[in-house]
Amino acid sequence: MKRGEKKSKKSIQEVVLEWVKRILAAKIYIWVVLVFGLAILMSNWMGFFRGSHVTNQTTVTYSVVTKLEQVNELVFLNAGIRDVKTIKNDFKLPGTNFTVPMTSKKAIIILNYIAKFGIKQAPRVIELREHEYQVEIPKYQVIGFDLVKKDPYVLYDQRGELFSHSTQNVDTGKEALEALSAKDKEKYLKEYKDMITESAENYFTTFIKSLDSEAKIRFINAN
C-alpha cells in the first residue's frame, strides 16, 4: 500500500508540474502577443505622426473623349455676371403639403462668371454685284460660360433652423450648375442686343474688307 501511495503521489506531482509548465508557456505566449501588438501600435502611431507632417500624394487621372463636334461659333460679346442665389429646403409631413415650422435649411451662393453671346450658325454672305455684299446674321445665342479665376464660387451663408435636423441638406453644387444654364441667360440677349449687333457688324466688315478693300456691305439681321 505504501508503494502504491508513493506512486500516486508522484503522479499527482507530475500532473501539477505539467499544469505549471502549461501556465508558464501560456504566459510567455501572451507576453509575445502583447509585445507584437505593441510593436504594431507603435508603427501605426509613427506612421500617423509622420503623415501629419509629410504627405506624399499620387493622383492618376484618366480622360476619355466622348464627343467631337465641328462648330461655327462666333462670340461677339462677353458679359461679366455675378449671380446671388438663395436656396431653401423645408421639411413637410409625408403625404401632405404641410410645412413643419422651424425646419428650414437655407444657403446663399454667389457665382462670378463670364457669359459669352454670339452666333452658333454660319452667316450667309451673298455677293450682290462687284464690291457689294449682303451678310445675313443668324439668331444670337448663349455660347457658353467661363468662371472667373478669383472666387468663381462662394458659399456666402448656410444655416438651419432649430428643428432642421430632419430636413434635406441644400445641394449647392446642383444649384450652381442650374444657375449656369443657357436658358436662364437668354434674357441678356435682348438686353444687350444692340451691343452684340454692333460687334457682329464690325467683325464682318473687317473680315470682308480684308479681302475686298472697296467692299460695300449690307446687313440683314434675324434678331
Protein backbone atom coordinates (compact mmCIF):
# COMPACT_ATOMS: atom_id res chain seq x y z
CA MET A 1 0.00 0.00 0.00
CA LYS A 2 2.80 2.38 0.80
CA ARG A 3 4.40 1.76 -2.55
CA GLY A 4 1.12 2.42 -4.28
CA GLU A 5 0.65 5.58 -2.33
CA LYS A 6 4.10 6.82 -3.36
CA LYS A 7 3.29 6.17 -6.99
CA SER A 8 0.02 8.06 -6.70
CA LYS A 9 1.78 10.99 -5.04
CA LYS A 10 4.33 11.11 -7.88
CA SER A 11 1.64 11.07 -10.48
CA ILE A 12 -0.08 13.99 -8.80
CA GLN A 13 3.18 15.94 -8.72
CA GLU A 14 3.72 15.22 -12.36
CA VAL A 15 0.26 16.46 -13.17
CA VAL A 16 0.85 19.63 -11.17
CA LEU A 17 4.19 20.22 -12.88
CA GLU A 18 2.60 19.76 -16.28
CA TRP A 19 -0.06 22.34 -15.46
CA VAL A 20 2.55 24.77 -14.18
CA LYS A 21 4.53 24.34 -17.37
CA ARG A 22 1.41 24.96 -19.43
CA ILE A 23 0.58 28.09 -17.46
CA LEU A 24 4.11 29.41 -17.85
CA ALA A 25 4.04 28.58 -21.53
CA ALA A 26 0.70 30.35 -21.87
CA LYS A 27 2.06 33.43 -20.06
CA ILE A 28 5.07 33.53 -22.36
CA TYR A 29 2.77 33.25 -25.36
CA ILE A 30 0.56 36.04 -24.04
CA TRP A 31 3.60 38.28 -23.49
CA VAL A 32 4.77 37.57 -27.02
CA VAL A 33 1.35 38.57 -28.37
CA LEU A 34 1.33 41.73 -26.26
CA VAL A 35 4.80 42.75 -27.40
CA PHE A 36 3.90 42.07 -31.03
CA GLY A 37 0.67 44.06 -30.71
CA LEU A 38 2.53 46.91 -29.04
CA ALA A 39 5.01 46.97 -31.91
CA ILE A 40 2.16 47.23 -34.43
CA LEU A 41 0.56 50.07 -32.48
CA MET A 42 3.87 51.91 -32.30
CA SER A 43 4.44 51.56 -36.03
CA ASN A 44 0.93 52.83 -36.78
CA TRP A 45 1.42 55.75 -34.41
CA MET A 46 4.74 56.64 -36.01
CA GLY A 47 3.15 56.43 -39.45
CA PHE A 48 0.33 58.72 -38.38
CA PHE A 49 2.77 61.15 -36.78
CA ARG A 50 4.89 61.31 -39.90
CA GLY A 51 1.85 61.53 -42.14
CA SER A 52 0.66 64.58 -40.26
CA HIS A 53 3.88 66.36 -41.19
CA VAL A 54 4.81 64.93 -44.59
CA THR A 55 2.23 64.00 -47.22
CA ASN A 56 3.07 62.04 -50.34
CA GLN A 57 0.04 62.06 -52.62
CA THR A 58 -0.19 60.44 -56.02
CA THR A 59 -3.01 61.30 -58.40
CA VAL A 60 -3.84 59.34 -61.54
CA THR A 61 -6.31 60.87 -63.99
CA TYR A 62 -7.88 59.12 -66.96
CA SER A 63 -9.58 61.21 -69.65
CA VAL A 64 -11.78 59.91 -72.44
CA VAL A 65 -13.04 62.00 -75.36
CA THR A 66 -16.74 61.17 -75.66
CA LYS A 67 -17.75 63.60 -78.39
CA LEU A 68 -16.24 65.66 -81.21
CA GLU A 69 -18.26 68.30 -83.00
CA GLN A 70 -17.27 70.91 -85.55
CA VAL A 71 -18.88 74.25 -84.82
CA ASN A 72 -19.19 77.68 -86.43
CA GLU A 73 -19.45 79.64 -83.21
CA LEU A 74 -18.54 83.30 -83.09
CA VAL A 75 -18.53 85.29 -79.85
CA PHE A 76 -19.43 88.97 -80.17
CA LEU A 77 -19.90 89.94 -76.53
CA ASN A 78 -18.52 88.82 -73.17
CA ALA A 79 -20.50 89.87 -70.11
CA GLY A 80 -19.17 89.57 -66.57
CA ILE A 81 -22.06 88.42 -64.38
CA ARG A 82 -22.49 87.89 -60.66
CA ASP A 83 -25.43 85.74 -59.56
CA VAL A 84 -26.56 85.66 -55.94
CA LYS A 85 -28.86 82.70 -55.35
CA THR A 86 -30.79 81.83 -52.18
CA ILE A 87 -31.94 78.23 -51.76
CA LYS A 88 -34.31 76.99 -49.09
CA ASN A 89 -35.43 73.50 -48.09
CA ASP A 90 -38.28 72.76 -45.66
CA PHE A 91 -39.48 69.56 -44.01
CA LYS A 92 -43.01 68.55 -44.98
CA LEU A 93 -45.09 65.87 -43.34
CA PRO A 94 -45.15 62.73 -45.55
CA GLY A 95 -48.18 62.65 -47.84
CA THR A 96 -49.08 66.28 -47.16
CA ASN A 97 -48.05 69.78 -48.19
CA PHE A 98 -47.85 70.90 -44.58
CA THR A 99 -44.51 72.51 -43.81
CA VAL A 100 -43.31 71.94 -40.27
CA PRO A 101 -42.30 75.26 -38.68
CA MET A 102 -38.68 75.95 -37.77
CA THR A 103 -37.35 73.21 -40.09
CA SER A 104 -35.85 75.35 -42.85
CA LYS A 105 -32.33 74.97 -44.19
CA LYS A 106 -31.01 77.89 -46.25
CA ALA A 107 -27.94 78.56 -48.31
CA ILE A 108 -26.75 81.62 -50.23
CA ILE A 109 -24.29 81.08 -53.07
CA ILE A 110 -22.52 83.67 -55.21
CA LEU A 111 -21.34 82.83 -58.74
CA ASN A 112 -18.94 85.02 -60.70
CA TYR A 113 -18.56 84.13 -64.36
CA ILE A 114 -18.31 85.47 -67.90
CA ALA A 115 -21.21 84.73 -70.25
CA LYS A 116 -20.47 84.61 -73.98
CA PHE A 117 -23.02 85.75 -76.56
CA GLY A 118 -22.84 85.36 -80.32
CA ILE A 119 -23.92 83.01 -83.10
CA LYS A 120 -23.67 79.24 -83.50
CA GLN A 121 -24.64 79.11 -87.16
CA ALA A 122 -22.53 80.32 -90.04
CA PRO A 123 -23.70 83.66 -91.51
CA ARG A 124 -24.76 83.78 -95.14
CA VAL A 125 -22.65 86.09 -97.32
CA ILE A 126 -24.01 86.94 -100.78
CA GLU A 127 -22.13 88.90 -103.41
CA LEU A 128 -24.81 91.10 -105.00
CA ARG A 129 -22.51 92.65 -107.57
CA GLU A 130 -18.90 93.72 -107.78
CA HIS A 131 -17.75 95.20 -104.45
CA GLU A 132 -21.27 94.86 -102.97
CA TYR A 133 -22.16 92.18 -100.40
CA GLN A 134 -25.08 91.16 -98.25
CA VAL A 135 -24.47 89.49 -94.88
CA GLU A 136 -27.33 87.64 -93.19
CA ILE A 137 -26.68 87.35 -89.45
CA PRO A 138 -28.46 84.40 -87.74
CA LYS A 139 -30.11 84.40 -84.31
CA TYR A 140 -27.97 85.33 -81.35
CA GLN A 141 -27.43 82.62 -78.76
CA VAL A 142 -25.67 81.99 -75.47
CA ILE A 143 -22.37 80.41 -76.50
CA GLY A 144 -21.11 79.38 -73.08
CA PHE A 145 -19.58 80.41 -69.77
CA ASP A 146 -16.14 80.91 -68.25
CA LEU A 147 -15.75 81.00 -64.49
CA VAL A 148 -13.60 83.87 -63.29
CA LYS A 149 -10.22 82.91 -61.86
CA LYS A 150 -10.71 84.60 -58.50
CA ASP A 151 -13.63 83.45 -56.32
CA PRO A 152 -15.79 81.88 -59.04
CA TYR A 153 -17.98 80.22 -56.42
CA VAL A 154 -18.62 81.47 -52.89
CA LEU A 155 -20.83 79.80 -50.29
CA TYR A 156 -21.85 83.04 -48.63
CA ASP A 157 -24.08 81.60 -45.93
CA GLN A 158 -25.50 78.24 -44.87
CA ARG A 159 -27.65 77.70 -41.82
CA GLY A 160 -30.51 75.65 -40.42
CA GLU A 161 -33.36 76.47 -38.06
CA LEU A 162 -33.92 74.89 -34.65
CA PHE A 163 -35.67 71.69 -35.83
CA SER A 164 -33.98 71.33 -39.23
CA HIS A 165 -32.01 68.15 -38.45
CA SER A 166 -34.53 66.06 -40.47
CA THR A 167 -34.58 68.46 -43.43
CA GLN A 168 -32.64 67.56 -46.56
CA ASN A 169 -29.38 69.45 -46.96
CA VAL A 170 -29.19 72.06 -49.71
CA ASP A 171 -27.36 70.72 -52.77
CA THR A 172 -25.29 73.81 -53.53
CA GLY A 173 -23.37 72.10 -56.35
CA LYS A 174 -26.56 71.26 -58.23
CA GLU A 175 -27.90 74.76 -57.73
CA ALA A 176 -24.64 76.25 -59.04
CA LEU A 177 -24.87 74.18 -62.24
CA GLU A 178 -28.50 75.18 -62.76
CA ALA A 179 -27.54 78.83 -62.34
CA LEU A 180 -25.20 78.43 -65.32
CA SER A 181 -27.92 77.19 -67.66
CA ALA A 182 -28.05 78.85 -71.08
CA LYS A 183 -31.82 79.24 -70.95
CA ASP A 184 -31.58 81.35 -67.82
CA LYS A 185 -29.21 83.76 -69.60
CA GLU A 186 -31.29 84.35 -72.73
CA LYS A 187 -32.72 87.49 -71.12
CA TYR A 188 -29.34 89.14 -71.64
CA LEU A 189 -29.64 88.63 -75.41
CA LYS A 190 -32.46 91.17 -75.52
CA GLU A 191 -30.84 93.50 -73.03
CA TYR A 192 -27.54 93.69 -74.93
CA LYS A 193 -28.83 93.12 -78.46
CA ASP A 194 -27.53 96.46 -79.79
CA MET A 195 -24.02 95.84 -78.45
CA ILE A 196 -23.94 92.33 -79.93
CA THR A 197 -25.14 93.67 -83.29
CA GLU A 198 -22.53 96.42 -83.36
CA SER A 199 -19.78 93.92 -82.58
CA ALA A 200 -21.04 91.48 -85.23
CA GLU A 201 -21.21 94.13 -87.96
CA ASN A 202 -17.73 95.39 -87.11
CA TYR A 203 -16.39 91.85 -87.28
CA PHE A 204 -17.86 91.01 -90.70
CA THR A 205 -16.98 94.43 -92.13
CA THR A 206 -13.34 94.00 -91.12
CA PHE A 207 -13.25 90.44 -92.47
CA ILE A 208 -14.80 91.23 -95.87
CA LYS A 209 -12.76 94.40 -96.39
CA SER A 210 -9.60 92.45 -95.71
CA LEU A 211 -10.49 90.55 -98.91
CA ASP A 212 -12.04 93.44 -100.84
CA SER A 213 -10.96 96.88 -99.68
CA GLU A 214 -13.67 98.55 -101.81
CA ALA A 215 -16.48 96.42 -100.40
CA LYS A 216 -19.85 97.88 -99.53
CA ILE A 217 -21.80 95.74 -97.09
CA ARG A 218 -25.49 95.48 -96.27
CA PHE A 219 -26.63 93.58 -93.21
CA ILE A 220 -29.81 91.60 -92.68
CA ASN A 221 -30.24 90.66 -89.03
CA ALA A 222 -32.52 87.82 -87.89
CA ASN A 223 -32.69 89.19 -84.36
